[in-house]
């Protein structure tokens, strides 16, 4: 039986992602759960897996430059893994070549060895050719995304955005002040680094202990935008229409000082279980969890009985283009038609939810998308077709400008 190694786990995960069409996070988690790798080897397996996914087009360009003959899919996975180590991860040449060759079936070891040896010998020329390619090759992003971002943000910003998406993300966490104040958190967890201008967030190299205690919740500071626009206060009734997995719900509960009521909804029972687990661990005592799909059925009595709500948060499902560095395979799943499709669903959810808001109440619509179709265009359609809503404010966070993940939020008031 072949010895389990970080490289073997990464290769198996890459093949599983390619063949089973599951999300990358689920694929690598499942792969690691079946091993007894030590923490450093687990981290290396994760780096290899996500690193290859971030750089698929560039790696395939290098493969084409090194071998003109046909490369079958299994051989391609091996070569992607080896070239990522040699050219991007800067792994020692001997280790990268030897260990990758060792992963190959005996019949393919000679060709894998020959291609990787050629890559080390001709490294500068191969990289020079890649550097002359269009951005979609150099940065490994679909051409249609590059074109729409250049039209919206300009060439320089698009290059910066692609570079952002290709960097491994740091681990940010929100200090859960329902359980612990900021100074005590920083005293207790010495590996926490405060973030400038975002006092309730920290960067953590190892968040496991703080997470287990419910002292923090791992999320990017951009996620707080919608919660802060909502301006929730103690003793109010809040509807969080798309609540799972619960990071925004818990922050709203903190802003409410755990007083009042939050009705948290989601459409999938499994996601509701995760929502319940997270809120319980974080000490949220004011949440009522309801399973409901806003696009398929009438509002259930469990929600109607609490209406009208003082404030409503609609953090709608979206394309996730603002969080691509965290959701690595999103770029390979998106199609040009998805933005219009998502827009229709987002408007449908907002129209179903808005009537539950009280007169004078606040509704916040939010996404983690960078696309106008899902953000400003949805807002304009709601303003034009729902006379009960008055737009008060729109805010957008852009990674290449604000140095956090992308996010959008708009605040409405229901007319009296």
Protein backbone atom coordinates (compact mmCIF):
# COMPACT_ATOMS: atom_id res chain seq x y z
CA UNK A 1 0.00 0.00 0.00
CA UNK A 2 1.36 3.44 -0.94
CA UNK A 3 2.49 5.58 1.98
CA UNK A 4 0.16 8.49 2.77
CA UNK A 5 1.86 11.85 2.22
CA UNK A 6 0.78 15.46 1.83
CA UNK A 7 1.43 15.26 -1.92
CA UNK A 8 -0.58 12.04 -2.29
CA UNK A 9 -3.51 13.57 -0.39
CA UNK A 10 -3.38 16.71 -2.55
CA UNK A 11 -3.30 14.63 -5.75
CA UNK A 12 -6.26 12.52 -4.64
CA UNK A 13 -8.19 15.67 -3.73
CA UNK A 14 -7.47 17.26 -7.11
CA UNK A 15 -8.75 14.18 -8.91
CA UNK A 16 -11.82 14.03 -6.70
CA UNK A 17 -12.57 17.71 -7.36
CA UNK A 18 -12.21 17.16 -11.11
CA UNK A 19 -14.38 14.03 -11.28
CA UNK A 20 -17.02 14.44 -8.57
CA UNK A 21 -17.87 18.12 -9.12
CA UNK A 22 -17.99 18.94 -5.41
CA UNK A 23 -16.92 22.21 -3.81
CA UNK A 24 -13.21 22.43 -3.13
CA UNK A 25 -13.57 23.04 0.62
CA UNK A 26 -15.63 19.85 1.01
CA UNK A 27 -13.21 17.87 -1.16
CA UNK A 28 -10.05 18.71 0.78
CA UNK A 29 -11.79 18.38 4.16
CA UNK A 30 -12.96 14.89 3.23
CA UNK A 31 -9.53 13.93 1.93
CA UNK A 32 -7.79 15.09 5.10
CA UNK A 33 -10.33 13.40 7.38
CA UNK A 34 -9.18 10.01 6.07
CA UNK A 35 -5.54 10.55 6.97
CA UNK A 36 -3.43 10.75 10.08
CA UNK A 37 -1.14 13.48 8.77
CA UNK A 38 0.54 15.75 11.29
CA UNK A 39 -0.49 19.40 11.22
CA UNK A 40 2.45 20.61 9.10
CA UNK A 41 1.77 17.96 6.44
CA UNK A 42 -1.94 18.76 6.47
CA UNK A 43 -1.11 22.41 5.87
CA UNK A 44 1.18 21.47 2.98
CA UNK A 45 -1.54 19.31 1.40
CA UNK A 46 -3.98 22.21 1.63
CA UNK A 47 -1.45 24.60 0.09
CA UNK A 48 -0.79 22.24 -2.83
CA UNK A 49 -4.49 21.59 -3.47
CA UNK A 50 -5.62 25.20 -3.43
CA UNK A 51 -2.44 26.41 -5.12
CA UNK A 52 -3.05 24.18 -8.13
CA UNK A 53 -6.72 25.23 -8.33
CA UNK A 54 -5.76 28.91 -8.25
CA UNK A 55 -3.29 28.46 -11.10
CA UNK A 56 -4.92 25.90 -13.40
CA UNK A 57 -4.64 27.85 -16.65
CA UNK A 58 -1.06 28.95 -16.03
CA UNK A 59 0.00 25.41 -15.08
CA UNK A 60 -1.64 24.01 -18.20
CA UNK A 61 0.15 26.62 -20.31
CA UNK A 62 3.46 25.45 -18.88
CA UNK A 63 2.53 21.82 -19.56
CA UNK A 64 1.77 22.72 -23.18
CA UNK A 65 5.09 24.53 -23.48
CA UNK A 66 6.96 21.49 -22.17
CA UNK A 67 5.14 18.71 -24.05
CA UNK A 68 3.53 18.95 -27.46
CA UNK A 69 2.05 15.44 -27.37
CA UNK A 70 -1.36 14.70 -25.83
CA UNK A 71 -1.45 14.72 -22.01
CA UNK A 72 -4.21 12.63 -20.45
CA UNK A 73 -6.10 13.93 -17.43
CA UNK A 74 -4.36 11.80 -14.81
CA UNK A 75 -0.92 12.72 -16.11
CA UNK A 76 -1.99 16.36 -16.23
CA UNK A 77 -2.93 16.28 -12.52
CA UNK A 78 0.56 14.98 -11.68
CA UNK A 79 2.30 17.58 -13.82
CA UNK A 80 0.18 20.40 -12.39
CA UNK A 81 1.21 19.32 -8.91
CA UNK A 82 4.89 19.10 -9.82
CA UNK A 83 5.03 22.38 -11.72
CA UNK A 84 3.19 24.22 -8.96
CA UNK A 85 5.90 23.11 -6.53
CA UNK A 86 8.73 24.04 -8.88
CA UNK A 87 7.53 27.38 -10.23
CA UNK A 88 5.14 28.84 -7.64
CA UNK A 89 5.67 27.19 -4.24
CA UNK A 90 9.46 27.28 -4.81
CA UNK A 91 9.86 23.79 -3.36
CA UNK A 92 13.38 22.38 -3.51
CA UNK A 93 13.88 20.96 -7.01
CA UNK A 94 15.01 17.51 -5.88
CA UNK A 95 12.06 17.07 -3.54
CA UNK A 96 9.51 18.43 -6.03
CA UNK A 97 10.67 16.17 -8.85
CA UNK A 98 11.44 13.02 -6.87
CA UNK A 99 8.27 13.07 -4.76
CA UNK A 100 6.00 13.84 -7.73
CA UNK A 101 7.56 11.06 -9.82
CA UNK A 102 7.01 8.71 -6.90
CA UNK A 103 3.25 9.44 -7.06
CA UNK A 104 3.03 8.30 -10.68
CA UNK A 105 2.19 4.78 -11.83
CA UNK A 106 5.31 2.95 -13.00
CA UNK A 107 4.36 3.31 -16.66
CA UNK A 108 4.28 7.12 -16.36
CA UNK A 109 7.27 7.74 -14.11
CA UNK A 110 9.74 8.21 -16.94
CA UNK A 111 7.65 10.84 -18.73
CA UNK A 112 6.84 12.72 -15.48
CA UNK A 113 10.53 12.74 -14.60
CA UNK A 114 11.53 13.90 -18.08
CA UNK A 115 9.01 16.78 -18.16
CA UNK A 116 9.84 18.03 -14.68
CA UNK A 117 13.58 17.79 -15.33
CA UNK A 118 13.07 19.77 -18.53
CA UNK A 119 11.09 22.35 -16.54
CA UNK A 120 13.94 22.83 -14.08
CA UNK A 121 16.48 23.09 -16.89
CA UNK A 122 14.46 25.54 -19.01
CA UNK A 123 12.79 27.36 -16.14
CA UNK A 124 13.61 30.91 -17.28
CA UNK A 125 12.45 30.37 -20.87
CA UNK A 126 9.21 28.66 -19.82
CA UNK A 127 8.41 31.44 -17.38
CA UNK A 128 9.31 34.10 -19.94
CA UNK A 129 6.77 32.64 -22.36
CA UNK A 130 4.11 32.66 -19.67
CA UNK A 131 4.80 36.28 -18.77
CA UNK A 132 3.99 37.33 -22.34
CA UNK A 133 0.54 35.72 -22.24
CA UNK A 134 -2.78 37.56 -21.68
CA UNK A 135 -3.96 38.15 -18.12
CA UNK A 136 -6.42 35.25 -18.19
CA UNK A 137 -3.43 32.90 -18.62
CA UNK A 138 -0.97 34.64 -16.31
CA UNK A 139 -3.55 35.03 -13.54
CA UNK A 140 -5.61 31.88 -14.28
CA UNK A 141 -9.04 33.50 -14.47
CA UNK A 142 -11.80 32.89 -17.04
CA UNK A 143 -11.61 35.34 -19.93
CA UNK A 144 -15.22 36.48 -19.51
CA UNK A 145 -14.51 37.55 -15.90
CA UNK A 146 -11.39 39.45 -16.94
CA UNK A 147 -13.33 41.29 -19.65
CA UNK A 148 -16.25 42.30 -17.42
CA UNK A 149 -13.92 43.48 -14.62
CA UNK A 150 -11.81 45.51 -17.05
CA UNK A 151 -14.97 47.18 -18.29
CA UNK A 152 -16.16 47.94 -14.76
CA UNK A 153 -12.93 48.66 -12.86
CA UNK A 154 -10.23 49.25 -15.49
CA UNK A 155 -7.13 47.27 -16.47
CA UNK A 156 -4.90 48.06 -13.49
CA UNK A 157 -7.61 47.32 -10.94
CA UNK A 158 -8.44 44.04 -12.68
CA UNK A 159 -4.81 42.94 -12.50
CA UNK A 160 -4.77 43.85 -8.82
CA UNK A 161 -8.02 41.96 -8.23
CA UNK A 162 -6.67 38.82 -9.93
CA UNK A 163 -3.49 39.03 -7.87
CA UNK A 164 -5.62 39.38 -4.73
CA UNK A 165 -7.67 36.31 -5.65
CA UNK A 166 -4.50 34.26 -6.10
CA UNK A 167 -3.04 35.03 -2.68
CA UNK A 168 -3.78 32.60 0.17
CA UNK A 169 -6.09 34.46 2.57
CA UNK A 170 -5.14 35.22 6.16
CA UNK A 171 -7.40 33.97 8.95
CA UNK A 172 -9.47 36.85 10.29
CA UNK A 173 -11.85 36.53 13.21
CA UNK A 174 -14.40 38.75 14.90
CA UNK A 175 -14.04 38.95 18.67
CA UNK A 176 -17.31 37.73 20.17
CA UNK A 177 -18.04 40.38 22.77
CA UNK A 178 -21.07 38.48 24.00
CA UNK A 179 -18.51 36.32 25.80
CA UNK A 180 -15.25 38.26 26.07
CA UNK A 181 -14.10 41.85 25.74
CA UNK A 182 -11.41 42.90 23.30
CA UNK A 183 -8.57 43.43 25.76
CA UNK A 184 -9.14 40.14 27.56
CA UNK A 185 -9.22 38.36 24.19
CA UNK A 186 -5.88 39.89 23.19
CA UNK A 187 -4.40 38.99 26.58
CA UNK A 188 -5.69 35.42 26.42
CA UNK A 189 -4.78 34.64 22.81
CA UNK A 190 -1.23 35.81 22.26
CA UNK A 191 -1.21 34.85 18.58
CA UNK A 192 -3.98 37.36 17.81
CA UNK A 193 -2.90 40.46 15.89
CA UNK A 194 -5.24 43.48 16.05
CA UNK A 195 -6.29 44.93 12.71
CA UNK A 196 -5.90 48.70 12.22
CA UNK A 197 -9.20 50.58 11.93
CA UNK A 198 -11.26 47.42 12.63
CA UNK A 199 -11.11 47.16 16.39
CA UNK A 200 -13.36 44.11 16.81
CA UNK A 201 -11.43 41.94 14.34
CA UNK A 202 -8.07 40.19 14.65
CA UNK A 203 -5.79 38.07 12.51
CA UNK A 204 -5.14 34.65 14.03
CA UNK A 205 -2.49 32.12 13.01
CA UNK A 206 -4.23 29.37 14.96
CA UNK A 207 -7.86 30.07 15.91
CA UNK A 208 -8.88 26.60 17.15
CA UNK A 209 -8.84 27.30 20.89
CA UNK A 210 -10.66 30.62 20.60
CA UNK A 211 -13.25 29.06 18.28
CA UNK A 212 -13.90 26.14 20.63
CA UNK A 213 -14.52 28.55 23.49
CA UNK A 214 -16.89 30.67 21.40
CA UNK A 215 -14.63 33.68 21.93
CA UNK A 216 -14.49 34.48 18.23
CA UNK A 217 -15.97 33.65 14.85
CA UNK A 218 -13.82 33.29 11.74
CA UNK A 219 -14.98 35.82 9.14
CA UNK A 220 -13.55 38.61 7.02
CA UNK A 221 -14.05 42.19 8.25
CA UNK A 222 -16.05 42.89 5.09
CA UNK A 223 -18.89 40.79 6.51
CA UNK A 224 -19.55 43.42 9.16
CA UNK A 225 -20.61 46.01 6.56
CA UNK A 226 -24.20 44.80 6.30
CA UNK A 227 -24.59 44.40 10.07
CA UNK A 228 -23.38 47.92 10.75
CA UNK A 229 -25.71 49.40 8.12
CA UNK A 230 -28.59 47.51 9.74
CA UNK A 231 -28.03 49.48 13.00
CA UNK A 232 -29.83 46.90 15.16
CA UNK A 233 -30.63 47.94 18.73
CA UNK A 234 -31.50 46.03 21.92
CA UNK A 235 -35.09 44.82 22.37
CA UNK A 236 -35.93 44.95 18.66
CA UNK A 237 -37.30 42.20 16.44
CA UNK A 238 -34.94 41.34 13.59
CA UNK A 239 -35.41 39.00 10.63
CA UNK A 240 -32.22 37.52 9.19
CA UNK A 241 -33.70 36.08 6.02
CA UNK A 242 -30.66 34.08 4.80
CA UNK A 243 -28.86 33.45 8.07
CA UNK A 244 -26.67 30.34 7.81
CA UNK A 245 -23.91 29.76 8.77
CA UNK A 246 -24.51 32.53 11.31
CA UNK A 247 -21.59 34.96 11.36
CA UNK A 248 -23.75 38.00 10.63
CA UNK A 249 -26.57 36.71 12.86
CA UNK A 250 -24.23 36.44 15.83
CA UNK A 251 -22.80 39.91 15.22
CA UNK A 252 -26.31 41.38 15.09
CA UNK A 253 -27.07 39.64 18.40
CA UNK A 254 -23.97 41.21 19.86
CA UNK A 255 -25.04 44.67 18.67
CA UNK A 256 -28.42 43.99 20.31
CA UNK A 257 -26.66 43.01 23.57
CA UNK A 258 -28.49 39.67 23.41
CA UNK A 259 -31.83 41.40 24.04
CA UNK A 260 -34.83 41.17 21.75
CA UNK A 261 -35.47 38.57 19.02
CA UNK A 262 -33.71 37.45 15.86
CA UNK A 263 -35.57 35.11 13.54
CA UNK A 264 -32.90 33.35 11.49
CA UNK A 265 -33.98 31.56 8.30
CA UNK A 266 -32.37 29.30 5.77
CA UNK A 267 -33.70 26.83 3.23
CA UNK A 268 -31.54 23.78 3.96
CA UNK A 269 -31.88 21.75 7.20
CA UNK A 270 -28.15 20.91 7.20
CA UNK A 271 -27.26 24.60 7.07
CA UNK A 272 -29.75 25.32 9.85
CA UNK A 273 -28.01 22.71 12.02
CA UNK A 274 -24.73 24.53 11.43
CA UNK A 275 -26.41 27.86 12.21
CA UNK A 276 -27.77 26.46 15.48
CA UNK A 277 -24.38 25.02 16.47
CA UNK A 278 -22.57 28.28 15.77
CA UNK A 279 -25.07 30.47 17.60
CA UNK A 280 -25.06 28.15 20.61
CA UNK A 281 -21.27 28.14 20.82
CA UNK A 282 -21.19 31.93 20.53
CA UNK A 283 -23.70 32.39 23.34
CA UNK A 284 -26.55 33.85 21.27
CA UNK A 285 -29.73 33.46 23.34
CA UNK A 286 -32.24 35.48 21.30
CA UNK A 287 -32.39 33.50 18.05
CA UNK A 288 -35.41 31.61 16.72
CA UNK A 289 -34.40 29.35 13.82
CA UNK A 290 -36.84 28.60 11.01
CA UNK A 291 -36.46 26.52 7.83
CA UNK A 292 -37.92 28.41 4.88
CA UNK A 293 -37.26 28.88 1.15
CA UNK A 294 -38.34 32.40 0.20
CA UNK A 295 -38.67 31.52 -3.48
CA UNK A 296 -40.84 28.41 -3.25
CA UNK A 297 -43.50 28.62 -0.55
CA UNK A 298 -45.72 30.92 1.49
CA UNK A 299 -44.26 32.52 4.61
CA UNK A 300 -44.72 30.03 7.48
CA UNK A 301 -46.64 30.88 10.69
CA UNK A 302 -43.42 30.81 12.74
CA UNK A 303 -42.29 33.92 10.87
CA UNK A 304 -45.65 35.61 10.32
CA UNK A 305 -46.42 35.45 14.03
CA UNK A 306 -43.38 37.64 14.77
CA UNK A 307 -44.01 40.19 11.98
CA UNK A 308 -43.77 43.08 11.45
CA UNK A 309 -40.03 43.31 12.10
CA UNK A 310 -38.13 46.40 13.15
CA UNK A 311 -35.26 45.52 10.83
CA UNK A 312 -34.57 42.91 8.17
CA UNK A 313 -31.25 41.66 6.83
CA UNK A 314 -31.25 39.93 3.44
CA UNK A 315 -27.77 38.55 2.82
CA UNK A 316 -28.73 36.88 -0.44
CA UNK A 317 -27.09 33.94 -2.21
CA UNK A 318 -24.77 35.39 -4.86
CA UNK A 319 -21.92 34.65 -7.27
CA UNK A 320 -19.26 35.16 -4.55
CA UNK A 321 -16.94 37.09 -6.86
CA UNK A 322 -15.87 39.27 -3.93
CA UNK A 323 -14.53 36.30 -1.95
CA UNK A 324 -12.69 34.34 -4.64
CA UNK A 325 -9.47 34.12 -2.69
CA UNK A 326 -11.39 32.18 -0.02
CA UNK A 327 -13.69 30.21 -2.36
CA UNK A 328 -10.97 29.13 -4.69
CA UNK A 329 -12.93 27.14 -7.27
CA UNK A 330 -15.72 29.71 -7.76
CA UNK A 331 -13.94 31.11 -10.83
CA UNK A 332 -14.14 27.69 -12.54
CA UNK A 333 -17.83 27.21 -11.73
CA UNK A 334 -19.21 30.56 -12.89
CA UNK A 335 -20.76 31.04 -16.31
CA UNK A 336 -21.71 34.37 -17.97
CA UNK A 337 -25.42 33.63 -17.57
CA UNK A 338 -25.10 33.12 -13.81
CA UNK A 339 -25.21 36.83 -12.95
CA UNK A 340 -28.61 37.38 -14.57
CA UNK A 341 -29.89 34.13 -13.06
CA UNK A 342 -28.72 35.14 -9.59
CA UNK A 343 -30.25 38.60 -10.00
CA UNK A 344 -33.69 37.10 -10.64
CA UNK A 345 -33.45 34.99 -7.52
CA UNK A 346 -32.19 37.88 -5.40
CA UNK A 347 -35.07 40.14 -6.46
CA UNK A 348 -37.54 37.34 -5.78
CA UNK A 349 -36.22 36.90 -2.23
CA UNK A 350 -36.27 40.64 -1.52
CA UNK A 351 -39.84 40.99 -2.76
CA UNK A 352 -40.98 38.10 -0.58
CA UNK A 353 -39.27 39.47 2.52
CA UNK A 354 -39.88 43.24 2.34
CA UNK A 355 -43.62 43.17 3.24
CA UNK A 356 -42.66 41.75 6.66
CA UNK A 357 -40.96 45.05 7.59
CA UNK A 358 -42.82 47.53 9.77
CA UNK A 359 -43.51 51.08 8.61
CA UNK A 360 -40.39 53.15 9.23
CA UNK A 361 -38.31 49.99 9.62
CA UNK A 362 -34.91 49.31 8.08
CA UNK A 363 -34.07 46.69 5.46
CA UNK A 364 -30.50 45.89 4.39
CA UNK A 365 -29.76 44.01 1.19
CA UNK A 366 -26.24 42.59 0.95
CA UNK A 367 -23.98 40.36 -1.15
CA UNK A 368 -20.34 39.30 -1.36
CA UNK A 369 -20.41 39.95 -5.11
CA UNK A 370 -18.56 42.58 -7.14
CA UNK A 371 -21.06 42.53 -10.00
CA UNK A 372 -23.48 45.37 -10.79
CA UNK A 373 -26.19 42.90 -11.81
CA UNK A 374 -26.32 41.57 -8.25
CA UNK A 375 -25.76 44.87 -6.47
CA UNK A 376 -26.67 48.30 -7.85
CA UNK A 377 -28.98 46.87 -10.53
CA UNK A 378 -30.97 44.88 -7.97
CA UNK A 379 -31.27 47.99 -5.80
CA UNK A 380 -32.57 50.03 -8.72
CA UNK A 381 -35.13 47.38 -9.61
CA UNK A 382 -36.37 47.27 -6.02
CA UNK A 383 -36.66 51.06 -5.89
CA UNK A 384 -38.55 51.14 -9.18
CA UNK A 385 -40.93 48.25 -8.48
CA UNK A 386 -41.50 48.44 -4.69
CA UNK A 387 -42.88 51.83 -3.75
CA UNK A 388 -42.81 50.89 -0.05
CA UNK A 389 -38.98 50.99 -0.07
CA UNK A 390 -36.92 54.18 0.04
CA UNK A 391 -33.17 53.84 -0.58
CA UNK A 392 -31.06 55.54 2.09
CA UNK A 393 -27.49 54.39 1.50
CA UNK A 394 -25.29 52.10 -0.63
CA UNK A 395 -21.77 50.98 0.23
CA UNK A 396 -19.30 48.79 -1.60
CA UNK A 397 -15.97 47.27 -0.53
CA UNK A 398 -13.43 46.38 -3.23
CA UNK A 399 -10.44 44.13 -2.43
CA UNK A 400 -7.94 46.07 -4.53
CA UNK A 401 -8.99 49.33 -2.83
CA UNK A 402 -10.05 48.39 0.70
CA UNK A 403 -7.73 45.41 1.38
CA UNK A 404 -10.51 43.13 2.56
CA UNK A 405 -12.89 40.84 0.71
CA UNK A 406 -15.45 42.38 -1.61
CA UNK A 407 -18.90 43.20 -0.27
CA UNK A 408 -21.96 45.31 -1.09
CA UNK A 409 -24.81 46.54 1.09
CA UNK A 410 -27.76 48.86 0.61
CA UNK A 411 -30.04 50.21 3.34
CA UNK A 412 -33.73 50.93 2.71
CA UNK A 413 -36.44 52.41 4.90
CA UNK A 414 -40.04 51.32 4.60
CA UNK A 415 -42.16 54.36 3.92
CA UNK A 416 -44.71 55.25 6.55
